[in-house]
N, C-alpha and C. Protein backbone atom coordinates (compact mmCIF):
# COMPACT_ATOMS: atom_id res chain seq x y z
N MET A 1 132.77 -5.16 -8.61
CA MET A 1 131.40 -4.76 -8.38
C MET A 1 131.42 -3.52 -7.47
N ALA A 2 130.67 -2.52 -7.87
CA ALA A 2 130.52 -1.30 -7.08
C ALA A 2 129.12 -1.26 -6.51
N GLY A 3 128.89 -0.32 -5.64
CA GLY A 3 127.55 -0.18 -5.09
C GLY A 3 127.46 1.00 -4.16
N THR A 4 126.23 1.27 -3.79
CA THR A 4 125.97 2.33 -2.84
C THR A 4 124.67 2.01 -2.11
N LYS A 5 124.55 2.57 -0.92
CA LYS A 5 123.34 2.38 -0.12
C LYS A 5 123.06 3.68 0.61
N VAL A 6 121.80 4.12 0.55
CA VAL A 6 121.36 5.32 1.26
C VAL A 6 120.15 4.91 2.08
N SER A 7 120.08 5.42 3.31
CA SER A 7 118.95 5.07 4.17
C SER A 7 118.53 6.28 4.99
N THR A 8 117.31 6.18 5.51
CA THR A 8 116.80 7.23 6.37
C THR A 8 115.72 6.65 7.27
N VAL A 9 115.41 7.37 8.34
CA VAL A 9 114.27 7.04 9.19
C VAL A 9 113.17 8.04 8.88
N VAL A 10 111.98 7.52 8.63
CA VAL A 10 110.82 8.33 8.29
C VAL A 10 109.84 8.25 9.44
N GLN A 11 109.31 9.38 9.86
CA GLN A 11 108.41 9.43 11.01
C GLN A 11 106.97 9.10 10.61
N ALA A 12 106.80 7.89 10.14
CA ALA A 12 105.47 7.38 9.77
C ALA A 12 105.56 5.85 9.77
N PRO A 13 104.45 5.17 10.02
CA PRO A 13 104.45 3.71 10.01
C PRO A 13 104.85 3.17 8.63
N ALA A 14 105.47 2.00 8.62
CA ALA A 14 105.94 1.39 7.38
C ALA A 14 104.81 1.23 6.36
N GLU A 15 103.62 0.88 6.82
CA GLU A 15 102.50 0.69 5.90
C GLU A 15 102.16 1.99 5.17
N GLU A 16 102.22 3.09 5.89
CA GLU A 16 101.91 4.40 5.30
C GLU A 16 102.98 4.82 4.29
N VAL A 17 104.23 4.59 4.63
CA VAL A 17 105.33 4.92 3.72
C VAL A 17 105.25 4.04 2.48
N TRP A 18 105.01 2.75 2.66
CA TRP A 18 104.91 1.83 1.53
C TRP A 18 103.73 2.20 0.63
N ALA A 19 102.64 2.66 1.22
CA ALA A 19 101.49 3.08 0.41
C ALA A 19 101.89 4.20 -0.57
N LEU A 20 102.82 5.04 -0.17
CA LEU A 20 103.28 6.12 -1.04
C LEU A 20 104.31 5.65 -2.05
N ILE A 21 105.29 4.86 -1.62
CA ILE A 21 106.42 4.55 -2.51
C ILE A 21 106.39 3.14 -3.10
N GLY A 22 105.44 2.33 -2.73
CA GLY A 22 105.44 0.93 -3.13
C GLY A 22 104.98 0.62 -4.54
N GLU A 23 104.42 1.57 -5.22
CA GLU A 23 104.01 1.33 -6.61
C GLU A 23 105.18 1.65 -7.53
N PHE A 24 105.63 0.67 -8.28
CA PHE A 24 106.81 0.80 -9.12
C PHE A 24 106.71 1.98 -10.09
N HIS A 25 105.55 2.19 -10.67
CA HIS A 25 105.39 3.24 -11.68
C HIS A 25 105.15 4.62 -11.08
N ASP A 26 105.11 4.76 -9.77
CA ASP A 26 104.81 6.06 -9.14
C ASP A 26 106.05 6.77 -8.58
N LEU A 27 107.24 6.34 -8.93
CA LEU A 27 108.45 6.96 -8.39
C LEU A 27 108.47 8.47 -8.65
N GLY A 28 108.10 8.89 -9.83
CA GLY A 28 108.08 10.32 -10.16
C GLY A 28 107.06 11.10 -9.36
N GLY A 29 106.13 10.43 -8.72
CA GLY A 29 105.12 11.10 -7.91
C GLY A 29 105.63 11.55 -6.55
N TRP A 30 106.70 10.94 -6.06
CA TRP A 30 107.23 11.32 -4.75
C TRP A 30 108.69 11.75 -4.79
N HIS A 31 109.39 11.42 -5.86
CA HIS A 31 110.81 11.82 -5.99
C HIS A 31 110.88 13.20 -6.65
N PRO A 32 111.50 14.19 -6.00
CA PRO A 32 111.47 15.55 -6.51
C PRO A 32 112.25 15.79 -7.81
N ASP A 33 113.18 14.91 -8.14
CA ASP A 33 114.02 15.11 -9.32
C ASP A 33 113.62 14.26 -10.52
N LEU A 34 112.57 13.48 -10.38
CA LEU A 34 112.16 12.60 -11.47
C LEU A 34 110.75 12.96 -11.94
N PRO A 35 110.55 12.95 -13.26
CA PRO A 35 109.20 13.19 -13.79
C PRO A 35 108.36 11.93 -13.65
N ALA A 36 107.10 12.06 -13.96
CA ALA A 36 106.24 10.88 -14.00
C ALA A 36 106.78 9.94 -15.08
N SER A 37 106.66 8.66 -14.84
CA SER A 37 107.12 7.68 -15.83
C SER A 37 105.92 7.24 -16.66
N ARG A 38 106.25 6.63 -17.79
CA ARG A 38 105.21 6.02 -18.62
C ARG A 38 105.51 4.53 -18.73
N LEU A 39 104.49 3.78 -19.08
CA LEU A 39 104.61 2.34 -19.22
C LEU A 39 105.45 2.02 -20.45
N GLY A 40 106.43 1.13 -20.29
CA GLY A 40 107.34 0.81 -21.39
C GLY A 40 107.07 -0.50 -22.08
N ASN A 41 106.10 -1.26 -21.60
CA ASN A 41 105.71 -2.51 -22.26
C ASN A 41 104.25 -2.82 -21.91
N ASP A 42 103.81 -4.02 -22.22
CA ASP A 42 102.41 -4.39 -22.01
C ASP A 42 102.10 -4.83 -20.58
N LEU A 43 103.09 -4.86 -19.71
CA LEU A 43 102.87 -5.29 -18.33
C LEU A 43 102.66 -4.06 -17.46
N ALA A 44 101.56 -4.03 -16.76
CA ALA A 44 101.23 -2.86 -15.93
C ALA A 44 101.42 -3.18 -14.46
N GLY A 45 101.24 -2.16 -13.65
CA GLY A 45 101.28 -2.33 -12.20
C GLY A 45 102.63 -2.82 -11.72
N ASN A 46 102.61 -3.75 -10.80
CA ASN A 46 103.84 -4.27 -10.19
C ASN A 46 104.16 -5.67 -10.69
N ALA A 47 103.75 -5.97 -11.93
CA ALA A 47 104.04 -7.27 -12.53
C ALA A 47 105.53 -7.38 -12.81
N ILE A 48 106.12 -8.50 -12.45
CA ILE A 48 107.53 -8.72 -12.73
C ILE A 48 107.74 -8.60 -14.25
N GLY A 49 108.73 -7.81 -14.63
CA GLY A 49 109.01 -7.59 -16.04
C GLY A 49 108.46 -6.29 -16.58
N THR A 50 107.59 -5.62 -15.80
CA THR A 50 107.08 -4.34 -16.27
C THR A 50 108.23 -3.34 -16.40
N VAL A 51 108.09 -2.39 -17.30
CA VAL A 51 109.13 -1.40 -17.56
C VAL A 51 108.55 -0.01 -17.36
N ARG A 52 109.27 0.83 -16.61
CA ARG A 52 108.90 2.23 -16.50
C ARG A 52 109.92 3.02 -17.31
N VAL A 53 109.43 4.07 -17.96
CA VAL A 53 110.29 4.89 -18.81
C VAL A 53 110.18 6.33 -18.35
N PHE A 54 111.34 6.94 -18.09
CA PHE A 54 111.42 8.35 -17.73
C PHE A 54 112.01 9.12 -18.91
N ASP A 55 111.46 10.29 -19.18
CA ASP A 55 112.06 11.19 -20.16
C ASP A 55 112.86 12.22 -19.37
N LEU A 56 114.17 12.11 -19.45
CA LEU A 56 115.07 12.99 -18.71
C LEU A 56 115.75 13.93 -19.69
N ASP A 57 115.13 15.08 -19.92
CA ASP A 57 115.67 16.07 -20.84
C ASP A 57 116.00 15.47 -22.20
N GLY A 58 115.06 14.72 -22.74
CA GLY A 58 115.21 14.14 -24.06
C GLY A 58 115.88 12.78 -24.10
N VAL A 59 116.38 12.30 -22.97
CA VAL A 59 116.98 10.97 -22.88
C VAL A 59 115.99 10.05 -22.19
N GLU A 60 115.72 8.91 -22.80
CA GLU A 60 114.81 7.94 -22.19
C GLU A 60 115.58 7.00 -21.27
N LEU A 61 115.10 6.88 -20.05
CA LEU A 61 115.67 5.95 -19.08
C LEU A 61 114.65 4.84 -18.85
N HIS A 62 115.04 3.61 -19.13
CA HIS A 62 114.18 2.45 -18.94
C HIS A 62 114.63 1.70 -17.69
N GLU A 63 113.68 1.35 -16.83
CA GLU A 63 113.96 0.53 -15.66
C GLU A 63 112.96 -0.61 -15.64
N ASN A 64 113.45 -1.83 -15.42
CA ASN A 64 112.56 -2.99 -15.44
C ASN A 64 112.46 -3.62 -14.05
N LEU A 65 111.25 -3.97 -13.67
CA LEU A 65 110.98 -4.56 -12.37
C LEU A 65 111.40 -6.02 -12.36
N LEU A 66 112.30 -6.37 -11.45
CA LEU A 66 112.83 -7.73 -11.37
C LEU A 66 112.21 -8.55 -10.25
N ALA A 67 111.82 -7.90 -9.16
CA ALA A 67 111.22 -8.59 -8.01
C ALA A 67 110.33 -7.61 -7.27
N TYR A 68 109.22 -8.12 -6.74
CA TYR A 68 108.28 -7.28 -6.01
C TYR A 68 107.68 -8.10 -4.89
N ASP A 69 107.76 -7.57 -3.66
CA ASP A 69 107.23 -8.27 -2.50
C ASP A 69 106.49 -7.25 -1.62
N ALA A 70 105.19 -7.14 -1.80
CA ALA A 70 104.39 -6.17 -1.04
C ALA A 70 104.39 -6.51 0.45
N GLU A 71 104.38 -7.78 0.79
CA GLU A 71 104.36 -8.18 2.20
C GLU A 71 105.63 -7.73 2.92
N ARG A 72 106.76 -7.86 2.27
CA ARG A 72 108.04 -7.44 2.86
C ARG A 72 108.37 -5.99 2.52
N ARG A 73 107.51 -5.33 1.77
CA ARG A 73 107.64 -3.92 1.38
C ARG A 73 108.99 -3.65 0.72
N ARG A 74 109.20 -4.34 -0.42
CA ARG A 74 110.45 -4.13 -1.15
C ARG A 74 110.27 -4.48 -2.62
N TYR A 75 111.01 -3.78 -3.46
CA TYR A 75 111.09 -4.18 -4.86
C TYR A 75 112.48 -3.93 -5.39
N THR A 76 112.83 -4.71 -6.41
CA THR A 76 114.14 -4.64 -7.05
C THR A 76 113.94 -4.40 -8.53
N TYR A 77 114.76 -3.54 -9.09
CA TYR A 77 114.67 -3.22 -10.51
C TYR A 77 116.06 -3.12 -11.11
N GLY A 78 116.12 -3.16 -12.43
CA GLY A 78 117.40 -3.09 -13.12
C GLY A 78 117.36 -2.10 -14.27
N LEU A 79 118.54 -1.83 -14.80
CA LEU A 79 118.69 -0.97 -15.97
C LEU A 79 119.22 -1.81 -17.13
N PRO A 80 118.90 -1.43 -18.37
CA PRO A 80 119.51 -2.13 -19.51
C PRO A 80 121.04 -1.99 -19.45
N GLU A 81 121.73 -3.00 -19.90
CA GLU A 81 123.20 -2.99 -19.88
C GLU A 81 123.74 -1.75 -20.59
N GLY A 82 124.72 -1.11 -19.96
CA GLY A 82 125.38 0.04 -20.56
C GLY A 82 124.77 1.38 -20.24
N THR A 83 123.62 1.41 -19.56
CA THR A 83 123.00 2.67 -19.18
C THR A 83 123.93 3.41 -18.21
N PHE A 84 124.27 4.64 -18.52
CA PHE A 84 125.18 5.45 -17.70
C PHE A 84 126.49 4.71 -17.41
N GLU A 85 126.99 3.96 -18.39
CA GLU A 85 128.24 3.22 -18.27
C GLU A 85 128.15 2.04 -17.29
N LEU A 86 126.94 1.66 -16.87
CA LEU A 86 126.77 0.61 -15.87
C LEU A 86 126.37 -0.71 -16.52
N THR A 87 126.81 -1.80 -15.92
CA THR A 87 126.32 -3.12 -16.30
C THR A 87 125.90 -3.84 -15.03
N ARG A 88 125.04 -4.81 -15.19
CA ARG A 88 124.51 -5.62 -14.07
C ARG A 88 123.98 -4.74 -12.93
N TYR A 89 123.30 -3.65 -13.30
CA TYR A 89 122.74 -2.73 -12.30
C TYR A 89 121.49 -3.35 -11.68
N ARG A 90 121.46 -3.39 -10.36
CA ARG A 90 120.31 -3.86 -9.60
C ARG A 90 120.13 -2.92 -8.42
N ALA A 91 118.92 -2.44 -8.23
CA ALA A 91 118.62 -1.56 -7.10
C ALA A 91 117.40 -2.09 -6.36
N THR A 92 117.41 -1.91 -5.06
CA THR A 92 116.29 -2.36 -4.22
C THR A 92 115.86 -1.21 -3.31
N LEU A 93 114.57 -0.98 -3.28
CA LEU A 93 113.95 -0.02 -2.37
C LEU A 93 113.18 -0.83 -1.33
N HIS A 94 113.44 -0.58 -0.03
CA HIS A 94 112.91 -1.43 1.03
C HIS A 94 112.46 -0.58 2.21
N VAL A 95 111.28 -0.87 2.73
CA VAL A 95 110.74 -0.18 3.90
C VAL A 95 110.58 -1.18 5.04
N LEU A 96 111.18 -0.85 6.18
CA LEU A 96 111.08 -1.69 7.37
C LEU A 96 110.46 -0.91 8.52
N PRO A 97 109.65 -1.55 9.34
CA PRO A 97 109.08 -0.84 10.49
C PRO A 97 110.10 -0.65 11.60
N VAL A 98 110.03 0.50 12.25
CA VAL A 98 110.76 0.76 13.49
C VAL A 98 109.66 0.81 14.55
N THR A 99 109.29 -0.35 15.04
CA THR A 99 108.07 -0.54 15.82
C THR A 99 107.98 0.35 17.05
N LEU A 100 109.02 0.43 17.84
CA LEU A 100 108.95 1.21 19.07
C LEU A 100 108.73 2.69 18.84
N LEU A 101 109.14 3.18 17.70
CA LEU A 101 108.99 4.61 17.39
C LEU A 101 107.78 4.90 16.51
N GLY A 102 107.11 3.86 15.99
CA GLY A 102 106.03 4.09 15.05
C GLY A 102 106.54 4.70 13.76
N ALA A 103 107.79 4.43 13.45
CA ALA A 103 108.46 5.03 12.29
C ALA A 103 108.85 3.93 11.31
N SER A 104 109.60 4.34 10.29
CA SER A 104 110.07 3.41 9.27
C SER A 104 111.54 3.66 8.97
N TYR A 105 112.21 2.60 8.64
CA TYR A 105 113.57 2.66 8.13
C TYR A 105 113.47 2.36 6.64
N VAL A 106 113.93 3.28 5.81
CA VAL A 106 113.84 3.11 4.36
C VAL A 106 115.26 3.05 3.81
N GLU A 107 115.51 2.01 3.04
CA GLU A 107 116.83 1.81 2.45
C GLU A 107 116.70 1.68 0.94
N TRP A 108 117.59 2.34 0.23
CA TRP A 108 117.65 2.26 -1.23
C TRP A 108 119.10 1.90 -1.57
N ALA A 109 119.31 0.74 -2.13
CA ALA A 109 120.65 0.24 -2.38
C ALA A 109 120.79 -0.24 -3.80
N ALA A 110 122.00 -0.14 -4.34
CA ALA A 110 122.27 -0.61 -5.69
C ALA A 110 123.64 -1.25 -5.77
N THR A 111 123.75 -2.24 -6.63
CA THR A 111 125.03 -2.80 -7.00
C THR A 111 125.13 -2.76 -8.51
N PHE A 112 126.36 -2.64 -9.02
CA PHE A 112 126.57 -2.55 -10.45
C PHE A 112 128.04 -2.73 -10.77
N ASP A 113 128.30 -3.06 -12.01
CA ASP A 113 129.66 -3.09 -12.52
C ASP A 113 129.87 -1.83 -13.35
N VAL A 114 131.08 -1.28 -13.26
CA VAL A 114 131.41 -0.07 -14.01
C VAL A 114 132.92 -0.04 -14.18
N GLU A 115 133.38 0.45 -15.32
CA GLU A 115 134.82 0.59 -15.54
C GLU A 115 135.40 1.54 -14.51
N ALA A 116 136.65 1.32 -14.14
CA ALA A 116 137.31 2.09 -13.08
C ALA A 116 137.25 3.59 -13.34
N GLU A 117 137.41 4.00 -14.59
CA GLU A 117 137.42 5.44 -14.88
C GLU A 117 136.06 6.10 -14.71
N HIS A 118 134.99 5.31 -14.64
CA HIS A 118 133.64 5.86 -14.47
C HIS A 118 133.07 5.58 -13.07
N ARG A 119 133.80 4.86 -12.26
CA ARG A 119 133.26 4.40 -10.96
C ARG A 119 132.84 5.55 -10.06
N GLU A 120 133.70 6.53 -9.86
CA GLU A 120 133.39 7.62 -8.94
C GLU A 120 132.18 8.42 -9.41
N ALA A 121 132.15 8.79 -10.69
CA ALA A 121 131.04 9.59 -11.21
C ALA A 121 129.73 8.80 -11.21
N SER A 122 129.80 7.52 -11.59
CA SER A 122 128.58 6.70 -11.63
C SER A 122 128.02 6.47 -10.24
N THR A 123 128.89 6.19 -9.28
CA THR A 123 128.44 5.99 -7.91
C THR A 123 127.83 7.27 -7.36
N ALA A 124 128.45 8.40 -7.63
CA ALA A 124 127.91 9.68 -7.16
C ALA A 124 126.55 9.97 -7.78
N LEU A 125 126.37 9.63 -9.06
CA LEU A 125 125.08 9.84 -9.72
C LEU A 125 123.98 9.03 -9.05
N VAL A 126 124.23 7.74 -8.87
CA VAL A 126 123.24 6.86 -8.25
C VAL A 126 122.95 7.31 -6.81
N GLU A 127 124.01 7.58 -6.06
CA GLU A 127 123.83 8.00 -4.68
C GLU A 127 123.07 9.32 -4.59
N GLY A 128 123.30 10.23 -5.51
CA GLY A 128 122.59 11.51 -5.53
C GLY A 128 121.10 11.34 -5.76
N VAL A 129 120.74 10.45 -6.68
CA VAL A 129 119.32 10.17 -6.94
C VAL A 129 118.67 9.58 -5.69
N PHE A 130 119.34 8.60 -5.08
CA PHE A 130 118.78 7.97 -3.88
C PHE A 130 118.65 8.98 -2.73
N THR A 131 119.67 9.78 -2.52
CA THR A 131 119.66 10.74 -1.42
C THR A 131 118.56 11.77 -1.60
N ALA A 132 118.41 12.30 -2.80
CA ALA A 132 117.36 13.29 -3.05
C ALA A 132 115.98 12.70 -2.79
N GLY A 133 115.76 11.48 -3.22
CA GLY A 133 114.47 10.83 -3.02
C GLY A 133 114.17 10.57 -1.56
N LEU A 134 115.13 10.03 -0.84
CA LEU A 134 114.89 9.70 0.57
C LEU A 134 114.82 10.95 1.45
N THR A 135 115.54 11.98 1.09
CA THR A 135 115.43 13.25 1.83
C THR A 135 114.02 13.82 1.67
N ALA A 136 113.52 13.83 0.45
CA ALA A 136 112.16 14.33 0.20
C ALA A 136 111.12 13.47 0.92
N LEU A 137 111.33 12.17 0.92
CA LEU A 137 110.41 11.27 1.62
C LEU A 137 110.38 11.56 3.11
N ARG A 138 111.55 11.69 3.71
CA ARG A 138 111.64 11.99 5.15
C ARG A 138 110.95 13.32 5.46
N GLU A 139 111.21 14.33 4.64
CA GLU A 139 110.62 15.65 4.88
C GLU A 139 109.10 15.63 4.68
N ARG A 140 108.63 14.83 3.77
CA ARG A 140 107.19 14.73 3.53
C ARG A 140 106.45 14.26 4.76
N PHE A 141 107.06 13.36 5.53
CA PHE A 141 106.41 12.80 6.71
C PHE A 141 106.88 13.45 8.01
N ALA A 142 107.68 14.50 7.93
CA ALA A 142 108.19 15.14 9.15
C ALA A 142 107.04 15.71 9.95
N ALA A 143 107.19 15.65 11.26
CA ALA A 143 106.13 16.11 12.16
C ALA A 143 105.99 17.62 12.17
């Protein structure tokens, strides 16, 4: 099993950060490298099982919502088996308050299985997406 985790501190309260990033279908609205997604099935909003679809230069990327907890400000999603050479892909986006600073700690983590010859490239791809998103998020709320 491989994995990666990227985190950052955002200079805004957790509730405010979650209001921006907590909607599963709105990832393309705050992530600079992703387009807006479209609904991939009949389940809308943050319903478990809903699917978001990204068109990435003619390639469709499907992500399905596996768990959603607004109170704990976190959601987990997966990819269909074999996407980007990955199997058992699970990623979680989580916002935690840093109470004394009035800030937030945001973590984006993934675990997945991948053949050894694809491990380095696949991990770098996932980590790059997470890093770009969290960097943009931090800069958006910078003082």
